[in-house]
Amino acid sequence: MSEQDKIILALIEHLKKKLLLITYSNDTENSNDDDECTKKLTENRYKLIHTMCQTTKVMDYLESTGIIPRSVCSRILHEYRVPEDRNRALIDFLHSRGKNAFRPLIEALYLSGNEHLVQLLDENFLLSNIRQQLDAEYRFPTAVGQQITLPTSIEDEKLRNFNNNIELLDNQISICNLNDIEITKFDDEVQMGFEVQLLSLDLLEQYPQLDPIKRSIKCYRMLSRPRGQCLLINNVDAFKTMEIRQGSDIDASKLKSLFEQIGFIVVVRRNLNYLEMVNVIKNFADLIEENNDSYDCSIVIILSHGGNGKIYAVDELALDVDEQIISVFDDHLIGKPKLFIFQACRGSQCNYRSESISSNRLWSADSARNENNQTNLDSGTNIITKVPKRSDMIIWYSTLKDYVSWRLPDEGSIFIQSLITVFARTAWYYDLVTMVQCVNRTMKEKFSVHESTPFQTPCFEYHLDYPLYFNPGCFDQH
């Protein structure tokens, strides 16, 4: 054994002895008290439900420790498709188990990458010998050829996280003075529990040109609190013959979080039939018109199966996109931007790059099985508009006319995930058109990686008179 190896082994032994002196807070009688555990779960309930990711991994670990039966895991996974609903059901069950579930929950959160929640429940955990045992057993089963790095204090751990965040923010800020958007990369998608970068006072002081009041060009006003209403229709698994749209709940959950953080009131409707969709859209249009003076913008998002010019309800009757969705808003919120986002197929063609297609990755398309399916219901009456049709509208389709739109069952749709990532990271300094370009480029890069899979090109209709900045974090003082 070389002299260097002896020094390394001695250092490791020294660190182990020091760490064993650090007691895990839940080993003490006070921390194990039922009331204390219940209090911590209750105080952090919102963050546990809305920011916990990798819920399946959390439940797998809790099952392995005997805290949660397999039957309960299966029930939660099958009954609750929306991530927040799964988290809520899991937390409710753990409440019933009392203090016995508290320590295993913290360990499960740590192993599943939810370290921000670990800090909330027990800030001393990252320094405990329990953490080191978990690393040795689950995360780092062998130290051969690896460098072991351990935090020396809670302050060091917080400082490390702070420096990482500052470095990430510096990388983002450095872009805002440049015109070339090609330097921005969005390869790593934001995960559940992500935070939108807000246009904070510190950023406004450093970059006064981003101040919505002081912009050198005329833009749409986007300062109201709330910004406006966002209708999100998510048709997933109640279709008669069409396939289940696996992964759509992931899209819906992240979209809800994205636009709520930007400042919108998000109304979510799931698995609507034809008449329900028609009524919900009409009522939503009436709602935003009633609050015309209070809102600066409105958004309509529909995730469903589709065809050429139509969107399907779960009873497999089709709404005409132009007449029964977009045109309903022609004379509403006049002079203010109205954004429509459609994640659905617009035909049955695949955007192949070659004649030979083969892929070992599972792709699902949001197209109907029967493209000739027609509805006998009336498509709606003509609307008398006060402004030209499509005025102040942005219509964003996930794919080109006549082509399919792809979705990954375990990750969500490529278009929606790209949109969310770009908006979350750049809405504080990019306008909508620039973000659209980022989404287009990101999707092209993602599909280019898989040479044997078809492409997908989003389609963007722009009918605005001025640039649109969302200004997340900036609100009127009144």
Protein backbone atom coordinates (compact mmCIF):
# COMPACT_ATOMS: atom_id res chain seq x y z
CA MET A 1 0.00 0.00 0.00
CA SER A 2 1.43 3.34 -1.01
CA GLU A 3 1.92 6.23 1.39
CA GLN A 4 -0.84 8.18 -0.37
CA ASP A 5 -3.34 5.32 0.09
CA LYS A 6 -2.50 5.15 3.81
CA ILE A 7 -3.17 8.87 4.18
CA ILE A 8 -6.53 8.56 2.39
CA LEU A 9 -7.64 5.65 4.58
CA ALA A 10 -6.59 7.49 7.73
CA LEU A 11 -8.58 10.54 6.62
CA ILE A 12 -11.68 8.43 5.97
CA GLU A 13 -11.44 6.80 9.40
CA HIS A 14 -11.04 10.22 11.02
CA LEU A 15 -14.13 11.55 9.26
CA LYS A 16 -16.15 8.47 10.28
CA LYS A 17 -15.28 8.99 13.94
CA LYS A 18 -16.31 12.63 13.78
CA LEU A 19 -19.57 11.84 12.05
CA LEU A 20 -20.49 9.19 14.61
CA LEU A 21 -20.45 11.92 17.24
CA ILE A 22 -23.24 13.72 15.41
CA THR A 23 -26.57 12.41 16.59
CA TYR A 24 -29.57 12.14 14.35
CA SER A 25 -32.26 14.47 15.70
CA ASN A 26 -35.03 11.89 15.36
CA ASP A 27 -33.11 9.59 17.78
CA THR A 28 -33.98 11.89 20.67
CA GLU A 29 -37.15 11.51 22.63
CA ASN A 30 -38.41 15.01 21.83
CA SER A 31 -38.08 14.60 18.06
CA ASN A 32 -39.78 11.22 18.19
CA ASP A 33 -42.82 12.67 19.85
CA ASP A 34 -45.99 12.11 17.82
CA ASP A 35 -47.11 15.71 18.17
CA GLU A 36 -43.76 17.08 16.97
CA CYS A 37 -43.74 14.83 13.89
CA THR A 38 -47.34 15.66 13.07
CA LYS A 39 -46.61 19.36 13.48
CA LYS A 40 -43.69 19.25 11.04
CA LEU A 41 -45.72 17.35 8.45
CA THR A 42 -48.60 19.80 8.83
CA GLU A 43 -46.41 22.91 8.64
CA ASN A 44 -44.74 21.67 5.46
CA ARG A 45 -47.79 19.99 3.93
CA TYR A 46 -48.07 22.41 0.99
CA LYS A 47 -44.44 22.02 -0.04
CA LEU A 48 -44.55 18.26 0.42
CA ILE A 49 -47.59 17.98 -1.85
CA HIS A 50 -46.58 20.47 -4.52
CA THR A 51 -42.80 20.11 -4.71
CA MET A 52 -42.09 16.46 -3.91
CA CYS A 53 -40.80 14.62 -6.98
CA GLN A 54 -40.07 10.93 -7.63
CA THR A 55 -43.07 9.85 -5.54
CA THR A 56 -42.76 6.27 -6.80
CA LYS A 57 -39.22 6.03 -5.42
CA VAL A 58 -40.38 7.45 -2.10
CA MET A 59 -43.10 4.80 -1.85
CA ASP A 60 -40.71 2.03 -2.91
CA TYR A 61 -38.41 2.85 -0.01
CA LEU A 62 -41.28 3.19 2.47
CA GLU A 63 -42.59 -0.20 1.33
CA SER A 64 -39.16 -1.78 1.82
CA THR A 65 -39.10 -0.49 5.42
CA GLY A 66 -42.59 -1.81 6.15
CA ILE A 67 -44.16 1.62 6.62
CA ILE A 68 -46.58 1.37 3.73
CA PRO A 69 -48.11 -1.89 2.39
CA ARG A 70 -47.81 -2.77 -1.26
CA SER A 71 -51.59 -2.66 -1.62
CA VAL A 72 -51.62 0.98 -0.54
CA CYS A 73 -48.82 1.83 -2.99
CA SER A 74 -50.73 0.20 -5.83
CA ARG A 75 -53.94 1.98 -4.90
CA ILE A 76 -52.26 5.40 -4.82
CA LEU A 77 -50.52 4.82 -8.16
CA HIS A 78 -53.66 3.62 -9.93
CA GLU A 79 -56.28 5.90 -8.40
CA TYR A 80 -54.33 9.15 -8.59
CA ARG A 81 -52.88 10.16 -11.96
CA VAL A 82 -51.99 13.74 -11.07
CA PRO A 83 -48.64 13.97 -9.17
CA GLU A 84 -49.99 16.37 -6.53
CA ASP A 85 -52.91 14.04 -5.83
CA ARG A 86 -50.50 11.13 -5.34
CA ASN A 87 -48.39 13.19 -2.97
CA ARG A 88 -51.48 14.25 -1.03
CA ALA A 89 -52.70 10.65 -0.64
CA LEU A 90 -49.24 9.53 0.50
CA ILE A 91 -48.91 12.30 3.11
CA ASP A 92 -52.41 11.58 4.42
CA PHE A 93 -51.50 7.91 4.86
CA LEU A 94 -48.23 8.73 6.63
CA HIS A 95 -50.12 10.99 9.04
CA SER A 96 -52.03 7.90 10.18
CA ARG A 97 -48.77 6.06 10.94
CA GLY A 98 -47.53 8.74 13.35
CA LYS A 99 -43.91 9.00 14.47
CA ASN A 100 -43.00 5.58 13.10
CA ALA A 101 -43.26 6.92 9.54
CA PHE A 102 -41.40 10.19 10.10
CA ARG A 103 -37.79 9.00 10.03
CA PRO A 104 -38.31 6.59 7.08
CA LEU A 105 -40.03 9.42 5.16
CA ILE A 106 -36.99 11.66 5.61
CA GLU A 107 -34.72 8.85 4.44
CA ALA A 108 -36.95 8.21 1.42
CA LEU A 109 -36.97 11.91 0.53
CA TYR A 110 -33.18 12.01 0.73
CA LEU A 111 -32.70 8.95 -1.48
CA SER A 112 -35.20 10.24 -4.07
CA GLY A 113 -33.48 13.60 -4.50
CA ASN A 114 -35.88 15.72 -2.39
CA GLU A 115 -33.16 17.23 -0.23
CA HIS A 116 -34.98 20.57 -0.03
CA LEU A 117 -37.79 18.78 1.83
CA VAL A 118 -35.32 16.93 4.04
CA GLN A 119 -33.95 20.27 5.23
CA LEU A 120 -37.47 21.43 6.09
CA LEU A 121 -38.28 18.35 8.18
CA ASP A 122 -34.86 17.91 9.83
CA GLU A 123 -32.02 20.28 9.07
CA ASN A 124 -29.48 18.08 10.89
CA PHE A 125 -30.12 14.99 8.78
CA LEU A 126 -27.46 15.78 6.16
CA LEU A 127 -24.82 15.73 8.90
CA SER A 128 -25.98 12.53 10.57
CA ASN A 129 -24.40 9.11 10.49
CA ILE A 130 -27.73 7.82 9.18
CA ARG A 131 -27.17 9.81 6.02
CA GLN A 132 -23.74 8.24 5.61
CA GLN A 133 -25.17 4.76 6.08
CA LEU A 134 -27.77 5.43 3.39
CA ASP A 135 -25.08 6.68 1.03
CA ALA A 136 -23.01 3.58 1.61
CA GLU A 137 -25.94 1.18 1.19
CA TYR A 138 -28.01 2.81 -1.57
CA ARG A 139 -26.25 5.71 -3.28
CA PHE A 140 -22.53 4.87 -3.11
CA PRO A 141 -22.20 1.09 -2.63
CA THR A 142 -18.48 1.22 -3.39
CA ALA A 143 -15.86 3.87 -2.83
CA VAL A 144 -13.24 2.31 -5.08
CA GLY A 145 -11.98 4.90 -7.51
CA GLN A 146 -14.39 7.53 -6.18
CA GLN A 147 -13.78 10.69 -4.22
CA ILE A 148 -15.92 10.95 -1.09
CA THR A 149 -17.07 14.47 -0.24
CA LEU A 150 -18.92 15.13 2.99
CA PRO A 151 -20.40 18.36 4.33
CA THR A 152 -18.70 19.59 7.47
CA SER A 153 -21.58 21.71 8.72
CA ILE A 154 -25.09 22.82 7.89
CA GLU A 155 -23.67 26.23 7.00
CA ASP A 156 -21.24 24.65 4.52
CA GLU A 157 -24.07 22.73 2.89
CA LYS A 158 -26.23 25.86 2.62
CA LEU A 159 -23.29 27.87 1.29
CA ARG A 160 -22.58 25.21 -1.34
CA ASN A 161 -26.22 25.28 -2.50
CA PHE A 162 -26.20 29.09 -2.47
CA ASN A 163 -23.07 29.27 -4.60
CA ASN A 164 -24.51 26.77 -7.07
CA ASN A 165 -27.67 28.86 -7.39
CA ILE A 166 -25.66 32.04 -7.86
CA GLU A 167 -23.55 30.39 -10.54
CA LEU A 168 -26.69 29.22 -12.37
CA LEU A 169 -28.24 32.69 -12.12
CA ASP A 170 -25.04 34.33 -13.37
CA ASN A 171 -25.08 32.05 -16.41
CA GLN A 172 -28.67 33.10 -17.12
CA ILE A 173 -28.11 36.80 -16.52
CA SER A 174 -25.08 36.93 -18.80
CA ILE A 175 -27.36 36.11 -21.72
CA CYS A 176 -29.75 39.04 -21.40
CA ASN A 177 -27.35 41.58 -22.97
CA LEU A 178 -26.72 39.35 -25.98
CA ASN A 179 -28.82 39.09 -29.10
CA ASP A 180 -27.75 35.59 -30.10
CA ILE A 181 -30.21 33.17 -28.50
CA GLU A 182 -28.28 30.20 -29.88
CA ILE A 183 -26.05 30.24 -26.80
CA THR A 184 -28.97 29.29 -24.56
CA LYS A 185 -29.37 25.54 -23.97
CA PHE A 186 -32.37 23.75 -22.49
CA ASP A 187 -31.22 20.13 -22.62
CA ASP A 188 -32.11 19.44 -18.98
CA GLU A 189 -35.85 19.84 -18.46
CA VAL A 190 -37.18 21.35 -15.26
CA GLN A 191 -38.43 18.75 -12.79
CA MET A 192 -41.56 18.66 -10.64
CA GLY A 193 -41.34 21.34 -7.96
CA PHE A 194 -39.40 23.73 -10.22
CA GLU A 195 -39.31 27.46 -9.55
CA VAL A 196 -39.80 30.13 -12.19
CA GLN A 197 -37.04 32.72 -12.28
CA LEU A 198 -38.77 35.96 -11.24
CA LEU A 199 -37.88 39.47 -12.29
CA SER A 200 -36.80 40.49 -8.80
CA LEU A 201 -35.85 43.94 -7.50
CA ASP A 202 -32.17 42.91 -7.48
CA LEU A 203 -32.34 42.00 -11.16
CA LEU A 204 -34.17 45.22 -12.00
CA GLU A 205 -31.46 47.23 -10.25
CA GLN A 206 -28.78 45.39 -12.18
CA TYR A 207 -30.67 45.41 -15.48
CA PRO A 208 -32.93 48.50 -15.51
CA GLN A 209 -33.72 47.94 -19.21
CA LEU A 210 -35.93 45.03 -18.09
CA ASP A 211 -38.20 47.27 -16.01
CA PRO A 212 -41.70 46.93 -17.56
CA ILE A 213 -42.41 50.62 -16.87
CA LYS A 214 -39.19 51.82 -18.46
CA ARG A 215 -38.91 49.66 -21.57
CA SER A 216 -37.73 51.59 -24.60
CA ILE A 217 -40.33 49.95 -26.87
CA LYS A 218 -44.11 49.82 -26.61
CA CYS A 219 -45.28 46.49 -25.19
CA TYR A 220 -48.48 44.93 -23.95
CA ARG A 221 -49.16 45.78 -20.33
CA MET A 222 -48.46 42.75 -18.10
CA LEU A 223 -48.54 43.93 -14.50
CA SER A 224 -51.99 43.11 -13.12
CA ARG A 225 -52.40 40.93 -10.04
CA PRO A 226 -53.50 38.37 -11.05
CA ARG A 227 -52.22 38.53 -14.64
CA GLY A 228 -55.43 36.91 -15.79
CA GLN A 229 -57.18 33.57 -16.03
CA CYS A 230 -55.75 30.38 -17.54
CA LEU A 231 -58.08 27.53 -18.57
CA LEU A 232 -56.38 24.14 -18.72
CA ILE A 233 -58.41 21.23 -20.18
CA ASN A 234 -56.66 17.87 -19.79
CA ASN A 235 -58.37 14.89 -21.44
CA VAL A 236 -56.48 11.78 -20.39
CA ASP A 237 -58.11 8.41 -19.86
CA ALA A 238 -61.89 8.41 -20.22
CA PHE A 239 -62.04 7.91 -24.00
CA LYS A 240 -64.26 5.18 -25.42
CA THR A 241 -61.84 3.68 -27.95
CA MET A 242 -58.89 6.09 -28.16
CA GLU A 243 -55.76 5.24 -26.22
CA ILE A 244 -54.99 6.63 -22.77
CA ARG A 245 -52.83 9.74 -23.03
CA GLN A 246 -50.18 8.60 -20.58
CA GLY A 247 -47.88 11.41 -19.44
CA SER A 248 -50.50 14.13 -19.94
CA ASP A 249 -51.02 14.55 -16.19
CA ILE A 250 -47.32 15.40 -15.89
CA ASP A 251 -47.77 18.10 -18.52
CA ALA A 252 -50.87 19.48 -16.79
CA SER A 253 -49.27 19.56 -13.35
CA LYS A 254 -46.20 21.44 -14.56
CA LEU A 255 -48.25 23.83 -16.70
CA LYS A 256 -50.41 24.68 -13.70
CA SER A 257 -47.33 25.39 -11.60
CA LEU A 258 -45.69 27.43 -14.37
CA PHE A 259 -48.54 29.84 -15.01
CA GLU A 260 -49.47 30.16 -11.34
CA GLN A 261 -45.91 31.27 -10.61
CA ILE A 262 -46.05 33.74 -13.49
CA GLY A 263 -49.18 35.21 -11.91
CA PHE A 264 -52.25 33.58 -13.49
CA ILE A 265 -55.26 31.97 -11.85
CA VAL A 266 -55.24 28.47 -13.36
CA VAL A 267 -58.54 26.61 -13.74
CA VAL A 268 -58.00 22.87 -14.44
CA ARG A 269 -60.69 20.65 -15.95
CA ARG A 270 -60.02 16.94 -16.56
CA ASN A 271 -61.71 14.41 -18.86
CA LEU A 272 -64.52 16.55 -20.33
CA ASN A 273 -67.10 15.33 -22.80
CA TYR A 274 -68.22 17.38 -25.80
CA LEU A 275 -70.97 19.40 -24.13
CA GLU A 276 -68.82 19.99 -21.05
CA MET A 277 -65.97 21.33 -23.19
CA VAL A 278 -68.29 23.66 -25.10
CA ASN A 279 -69.83 25.00 -21.89
CA VAL A 280 -66.54 25.32 -20.00
CA ILE A 281 -64.96 27.30 -22.86
CA LYS A 282 -68.00 29.58 -23.19
CA ASN A 283 -68.18 30.18 -19.44
CA PHE A 284 -64.46 30.90 -19.32
CA ALA A 285 -64.81 33.46 -22.13
CA ASP A 286 -67.65 35.14 -20.24
CA LEU A 287 -65.57 35.15 -17.04
CA ILE A 288 -62.60 36.96 -18.55
CA GLU A 289 -64.91 39.45 -20.28
CA GLU A 290 -66.58 40.26 -16.96
CA ASN A 291 -63.12 41.00 -15.52
CA ASN A 292 -61.84 42.82 -18.59
CA ASP A 293 -60.61 45.79 -16.56
CA SER A 294 -58.78 43.61 -14.04
CA TYR A 295 -56.89 41.21 -16.32
CA ASP A 296 -54.00 41.87 -18.72
CA CYS A 297 -54.06 38.51 -20.49
CA SER A 298 -55.88 35.18 -20.87
CA ILE A 299 -54.64 31.68 -21.70
CA VAL A 300 -56.46 28.59 -22.97
CA ILE A 301 -54.57 25.27 -22.96
CA ILE A 302 -56.06 22.02 -24.27
CA LEU A 303 -54.30 18.66 -23.99
CA SER A 304 -56.17 15.93 -25.85
CA HIS A 305 -56.41 13.78 -28.95
CA GLY A 306 -56.90 15.74 -32.15
CA GLY A 307 -57.18 15.70 -35.90
CA ASN A 308 -57.11 18.16 -38.76
CA GLY A 309 -58.73 21.29 -37.33
CA LYS A 310 -60.41 19.52 -34.42
CA ILE A 311 -59.93 18.55 -30.79
CA TYR A 312 -61.62 15.49 -29.30
CA ALA A 313 -63.58 15.31 -26.06
CA VAL A 314 -63.53 12.09 -24.04
CA ASP A 315 -66.81 10.94 -25.63
CA GLU A 316 -64.87 11.16 -28.93
CA LEU A 317 -66.98 13.95 -30.39
CA ALA A 318 -64.86 16.66 -31.97
CA LEU A 319 -64.82 20.41 -31.40
CA ASP A 320 -63.85 22.61 -34.32
CA VAL A 321 -60.73 24.47 -33.16
CA ASP A 322 -61.44 27.65 -35.13
CA GLU A 323 -65.19 27.97 -34.67
CA GLN A 324 -65.81 26.47 -31.25
CA ILE A 325 -62.67 27.46 -29.38
CA ILE A 326 -60.68 30.34 -30.87
CA SER A 327 -63.54 32.36 -32.39
CA VAL A 328 -65.37 32.36 -29.05
CA PHE A 329 -62.76 34.86 -27.84
CA ASP A 330 -62.68 37.16 -30.88
CA ASP A 331 -64.57 39.98 -29.13
CA HIS A 332 -63.29 39.31 -25.61
CA LEU A 333 -60.47 41.09 -23.76
CA ILE A 334 -60.10 43.48 -26.69
CA GLY A 335 -56.65 45.01 -27.02
CA LYS A 336 -55.12 42.45 -24.67
CA PRO A 337 -53.17 39.29 -25.56
CA LYS A 338 -54.98 35.94 -25.67
CA LEU A 339 -52.75 32.86 -25.82
CA PHE A 340 -53.98 29.45 -27.05
CA ILE A 341 -51.84 26.32 -26.62
CA PHE A 342 -52.89 23.00 -28.18
CA GLN A 343 -51.11 19.73 -27.42
CA ALA A 344 -52.80 17.39 -29.90
CA CYS A 345 -52.29 15.78 -33.28
CA ARG A 346 -53.45 17.69 -36.35
CA GLY A 347 -53.43 14.72 -38.71
CA SER A 348 -51.92 11.27 -39.11
CA GLN A 349 -48.70 11.99 -41.01
CA CYS A 350 -45.31 11.44 -39.37
CA ASN A 351 -42.53 13.95 -39.93
CA TYR A 352 -39.98 11.30 -40.85
CA ARG A 353 -36.46 12.15 -41.90
CA SER A 354 -36.00 8.99 -43.95
CA GLU A 355 -37.94 6.04 -45.33
CA SER A 356 -36.43 3.56 -42.87
CA ILE A 357 -37.86 4.06 -39.40
CA SER A 358 -37.05 2.02 -36.32
CA SER A 359 -36.87 2.99 -32.68
CA ASN A 360 -36.65 1.20 -29.37
CA ARG A 361 -38.18 4.12 -27.51
CA LEU A 362 -41.91 4.17 -26.84
CA TRP A 363 -43.66 7.13 -28.47
CA SER A 364 -47.37 7.86 -28.25
CA ALA A 365 -49.28 10.10 -30.65
CA ASP A 366 -52.20 12.35 -29.74
CA SER A 367 -54.17 11.40 -32.85
CA ALA A 368 -57.57 9.74 -33.05
CA ARG A 369 -57.79 6.17 -34.26
CA ASN A 370 -60.56 7.08 -36.67
CA GLU A 371 -59.70 10.26 -38.55
CA ASN A 372 -63.06 10.15 -40.36
CA ASN A 373 -65.07 10.36 -37.15
CA GLN A 374 -67.57 13.20 -37.57
CA THR A 375 -69.92 14.84 -35.13
CA ASN A 376 -73.53 15.69 -35.95
CA LEU A 377 -73.66 18.46 -33.37
CA ASP A 378 -73.85 22.07 -34.44
CA SER A 379 -70.43 23.71 -34.60
CA GLY A 380 -71.67 26.96 -33.06
CA THR A 381 -73.18 30.20 -34.25
CA ASN A 382 -71.31 33.03 -35.93
CA ILE A 383 -69.91 35.61 -33.54
CA ILE A 384 -70.12 39.31 -34.30
CA THR A 385 -66.68 40.71 -33.52
CA LYS A 386 -65.77 44.21 -32.48
CA VAL A 387 -62.26 43.87 -33.87
CA PRO A 388 -60.74 41.89 -36.77
CA LYS A 389 -60.73 38.12 -36.26
CA ARG A 390 -57.70 36.78 -34.40
CA SER A 391 -56.77 40.27 -33.18
CA ASP A 392 -54.29 40.21 -30.25
CA MET A 393 -54.13 36.40 -30.36
CA ILE A 394 -51.32 33.90 -30.22
CA ILE A 395 -52.17 30.37 -31.36
CA TRP A 396 -49.53 27.77 -30.61
CA TYR A 397 -49.93 24.23 -31.93
CA SER A 398 -47.65 21.41 -30.84
CA THR A 399 -47.23 20.28 -34.46
CA LEU A 400 -47.80 21.24 -38.09
CA LYS A 401 -51.10 20.84 -39.89
CA ASP A 402 -51.72 17.20 -40.97
CA TYR A 403 -48.99 15.84 -38.67
CA VAL A 404 -48.98 13.88 -35.42
CA SER A 405 -47.79 15.17 -32.04
CA TRP A 406 -45.59 12.92 -29.89
CA ARG A 407 -45.75 12.20 -26.18
CA LEU A 408 -43.62 10.06 -23.84
CA PRO A 409 -45.78 8.16 -21.29
CA ASP A 410 -43.29 8.57 -18.44
CA GLU A 411 -42.19 12.13 -19.16
CA GLY A 412 -45.01 14.00 -20.89
CA SER A 413 -45.12 15.58 -24.32
CA ILE A 414 -41.93 16.90 -25.86
CA PHE A 415 -43.57 20.18 -26.86
CA ILE A 416 -45.10 20.99 -23.47
CA GLN A 417 -41.98 20.01 -21.50
CA SER A 418 -39.82 22.18 -23.76
CA LEU A 419 -42.24 25.10 -23.41
CA ILE A 420 -42.28 24.84 -19.61
CA THR A 421 -38.48 24.67 -19.36
CA VAL A 422 -37.97 27.69 -21.61
CA PHE A 423 -40.64 29.79 -19.88
CA ALA A 424 -39.44 28.93 -16.36
CA ARG A 425 -35.87 29.97 -17.12
CA THR A 426 -36.21 32.88 -19.52
CA ALA A 427 -39.63 34.56 -19.15
CA TRP A 428 -38.02 37.18 -16.91
CA TYR A 429 -36.01 38.67 -19.79
CA TYR A 430 -37.22 37.17 -23.11
CA ASP A 431 -40.36 38.18 -24.96
CA LEU A 432 -42.79 35.55 -26.22
CA VAL A 433 -41.44 35.40 -29.77
CA THR A 434 -37.90 34.78 -28.57
CA MET A 435 -39.12 32.02 -26.25
CA VAL A 436 -40.97 30.43 -29.17
CA GLN A 437 -37.69 30.36 -31.09
CA CYS A 438 -36.03 28.72 -28.08
CA VAL A 439 -38.74 26.05 -27.94
CA ASN A 440 -38.39 25.36 -31.68
CA ARG A 441 -34.63 25.02 -31.43
CA THR A 442 -34.86 22.87 -28.31
CA MET A 443 -37.30 20.46 -29.91
CA LYS A 444 -35.18 20.18 -33.04
CA GLU A 445 -32.16 19.30 -30.91
CA LYS A 446 -34.09 16.74 -28.85
CA PHE A 447 -35.41 14.93 -31.91
CA SER A 448 -32.02 15.11 -33.65
CA VAL A 449 -30.50 12.99 -30.88
CA HIS A 450 -32.73 10.05 -31.84
CA GLU A 451 -31.84 9.48 -35.47
CA SER A 452 -34.44 6.76 -35.97
CA THR A 453 -37.41 8.74 -34.62
CA PRO A 454 -39.62 11.23 -36.49
CA PHE A 455 -39.34 14.98 -36.06
CA GLN A 456 -42.01 17.28 -34.65
CA THR A 457 -42.24 20.95 -35.58
CA PRO A 458 -44.52 23.28 -33.57
CA CYS A 459 -46.68 25.80 -35.42
CA PHE A 460 -47.03 29.36 -34.10
CA GLU A 461 -49.61 31.90 -35.30
CA TYR A 462 -48.80 35.42 -34.17
CA HIS A 463 -51.45 38.14 -34.33
CA LEU A 464 -50.12 40.59 -31.75
CA ASP A 465 -49.50 44.29 -32.37
CA TYR A 466 -46.70 44.66 -29.81
CA PRO A 467 -44.08 42.52 -28.06
CA LEU A 468 -45.34 40.44 -25.12
CA TYR A 469 -43.24 40.13 -21.95
CA PHE A 470 -44.73 38.17 -19.03
CA ASN A 471 -42.68 40.04 -16.36
CA PRO A 472 -42.95 37.27 -13.72
CA GLY A 473 -42.75 38.71 -10.22
CA CYS A 474 -43.66 42.29 -11.25
CA PHE A 475 -47.08 43.62 -10.27
CA ASP A 476 -48.93 46.89 -10.07
CA GLN A 477 -48.59 48.66 -6.75
CA HIS A 478 -52.35 49.26 -6.66
